[in-house]
Amino acid sequence: MITYKQYHIQRFEQGHKRWIARITRTDGQNIRTILPASEHSYLDTKPATSAEEAEKLAREGIDFGGVV
């Protein structure tokens, strides 16, 4: 698990060459999204072909994806 800004990113393999990254807040609070306006205890990325690619998707989601 890595910490990026105020979030934890954990990578998981789901099947052969199918990776996702799970985003949670470091303080344990729910993650709020802008569109649609909602709250979640965690968010998963779409599947990627490598752990590094899944982590990159998570970082992009945090930086540009409307996660607060």
C-alpha atoms as a PDB file:
ATOM      1  CA  MET A   1       0.000   0.000   0.000  1.00  0.00           C
ATOM      2  CA  ILE A   2       1.263   3.463  -0.836  1.00  0.00           C
ATOM      3  CA  THR A   3       0.165   6.847   0.447  1.00  0.00           C
ATOM      4  CA  TYR A   4      -0.490   9.541  -2.140  1.00  0.00           C
ATOM      5  CA  LYS A   5      -1.613  12.962  -0.947  1.00  0.00           C
ATOM      6  CA  GLN A   6      -4.311  12.162   1.653  1.00  0.00           C
ATOM      7  CA  TYR A   7      -5.187   8.756   0.186  1.00  0.00           C
ATOM      8  CA  HIS A   8      -4.004   5.154   0.415  1.00  0.00           C
ATOM      9  CA  ILE A   9      -3.687   3.201  -2.833  1.00  0.00           C
ATOM     10  CA  GLN A  10      -3.662  -0.581  -2.636  1.00  0.00           C
ATOM     11  CA  ARG A  11      -3.170  -2.762  -5.721  1.00  0.00           C
ATOM     12  CA  PHE A  12      -4.985  -6.082  -6.206  1.00  0.00           C
ATOM     13  CA  GLU A  13      -4.741  -8.721  -8.890  1.00  0.00           C
ATOM     14  CA  GLN A  14      -8.155  -9.956 -10.028  1.00  0.00           C
ATOM     15  CA  GLY A  15      -7.485 -12.817 -12.371  1.00  0.00           C
ATOM     16  CA  HIS A  16      -4.706 -13.244 -14.902  1.00  0.00           C
ATOM     17  CA  LYS A  17      -3.115  -9.868 -15.816  1.00  0.00           C
ATOM     18  CA  ARG A  18      -6.092  -7.981 -14.457  1.00  0.00           C
ATOM     19  CA  TRP A  19      -5.186  -5.411 -11.803  1.00  0.00           C
ATOM     20  CA  ILE A  20      -7.221  -2.806  -9.946  1.00  0.00           C
ATOM     21  CA  ALA A  21      -6.229  -0.189  -7.402  1.00  0.00           C
ATOM     22  CA  ARG A  22      -8.395   0.595  -4.387  1.00  0.00           C
ATOM     23  CA  ILE A  23      -8.398   4.167  -3.096  1.00  0.00           C
ATOM     24  CA  THR A  24      -9.212   4.935   0.551  1.00  0.00           C
ATOM     25  CA  ARG A  25      -8.686   8.043   2.667  1.00  0.00           C
ATOM     26  CA  THR A  26      -5.841   8.035   5.179  1.00  0.00           C
ATOM     27  CA  ASP A  27      -8.109   9.477   7.894  1.00  0.00           C
ATOM     28  CA  GLY A  28     -10.769   6.775   7.421  1.00  0.00           C
ATOM     29  CA  GLN A  29     -13.497   9.166   6.277  1.00  0.00           C
ATOM     30  CA  ASN A  30     -15.631   8.481   3.223  1.00  0.00           C
ATOM     31  CA  ILE A  31     -14.454   9.651  -0.188  1.00  0.00           C
ATOM     32  CA  ARG A  32     -16.756  12.210  -1.754  1.00  0.00           C
ATOM     33  CA  THR A  33     -17.136  12.352  -5.521  1.00  0.00           C
ATOM     34  CA  ILE A  34     -18.360  15.331  -7.501  1.00  0.00           C
ATOM     35  CA  LEU A  35     -20.174  13.609 -10.392  1.00  0.00           C
ATOM     36  CA  PRO A  36     -22.305  11.906  -9.379  1.00  0.00           C
ATOM     37  CA  ALA A  37     -22.377  13.538  -5.959  1.00  0.00           C
ATOM     38  CA  SER A  38     -21.937  10.628  -3.554  1.00  0.00           C
ATOM     39  CA  GLU A  39     -19.804   9.205  -0.745  1.00  0.00           C
ATOM     40  CA  HIS A  40     -17.967   5.871  -0.644  1.00  0.00           C
ATOM     41  CA  SER A  41     -15.707   4.112   1.848  1.00  0.00           C
ATOM     42  CA  TYR A  42     -13.427   3.213  -1.092  1.00  0.00           C
ATOM     43  CA  LEU A  43     -13.188   3.540  -4.867  1.00  0.00           C
ATOM     44  CA  ASP A  44     -11.755   0.977  -7.297  1.00  0.00           C
ATOM     45  CA  THR A  45     -10.142   1.794 -10.622  1.00  0.00           C
ATOM     46  CA  LYS A  46     -11.139   0.094 -13.823  1.00  0.00           C
ATOM     47  CA  PRO A  47      -9.087  -3.050 -14.553  1.00  0.00           C
ATOM     48  CA  ALA A  48      -5.566  -2.566 -15.938  1.00  0.00           C
ATOM     49  CA  THR A  49      -2.966  -4.963 -17.343  1.00  0.00           C
ATOM     50  CA  SER A  50      -0.348  -4.271 -14.650  1.00  0.00           C
ATOM     51  CA  ALA A  51      -0.135  -3.168 -11.028  1.00  0.00           C
ATOM     52  CA  GLU A  52       1.755  -0.045 -12.084  1.00  0.00           C
ATOM     53  CA  GLU A  53      -0.928   0.907 -14.602  1.00  0.00           C
ATOM     54  CA  ALA A  54      -3.656   0.430 -11.973  1.00  0.00           C
ATOM     55  CA  GLU A  55      -1.725   2.672  -9.572  1.00  0.00           C
ATOM     56  CA  LYS A  56      -1.343   5.291 -12.306  1.00  0.00           C
ATOM     57  CA  LEU A  57      -5.114   5.239 -12.878  1.00  0.00           C
ATOM     58  CA  ALA A  58      -5.673   5.740  -9.140  1.00  0.00           C
ATOM     59  CA  ARG A  59      -3.292   8.717  -9.023  1.00  0.00           C
ATOM     60  CA  GLU A  60      -4.998  10.267 -12.059  1.00  0.00           C
ATOM     61  CA  GLY A  61      -8.380   9.758 -10.418  1.00  0.00           C
ATOM     62  CA  ILE A  62      -7.175  11.538  -7.297  1.00  0.00           C
ATOM     63  CA  ASP A  63      -5.556  14.377  -9.252  1.00  0.00           C
ATOM     64  CA  PHE A  64      -8.113  14.949 -12.003  1.00  0.00           C
ATOM     65  CA  GLY A  65     -11.167  12.796 -11.363  1.00  0.00           C
ATOM     66  CA  GLY A  66     -13.249  14.823  -8.945  1.00  0.00           C
ATOM     67  CA  VAL A  67     -12.343  12.892  -5.789  1.00  0.00           C
ATOM     68  CA  VAL A  68     -12.522  14.946  -2.554  1.00  0.00           C
END
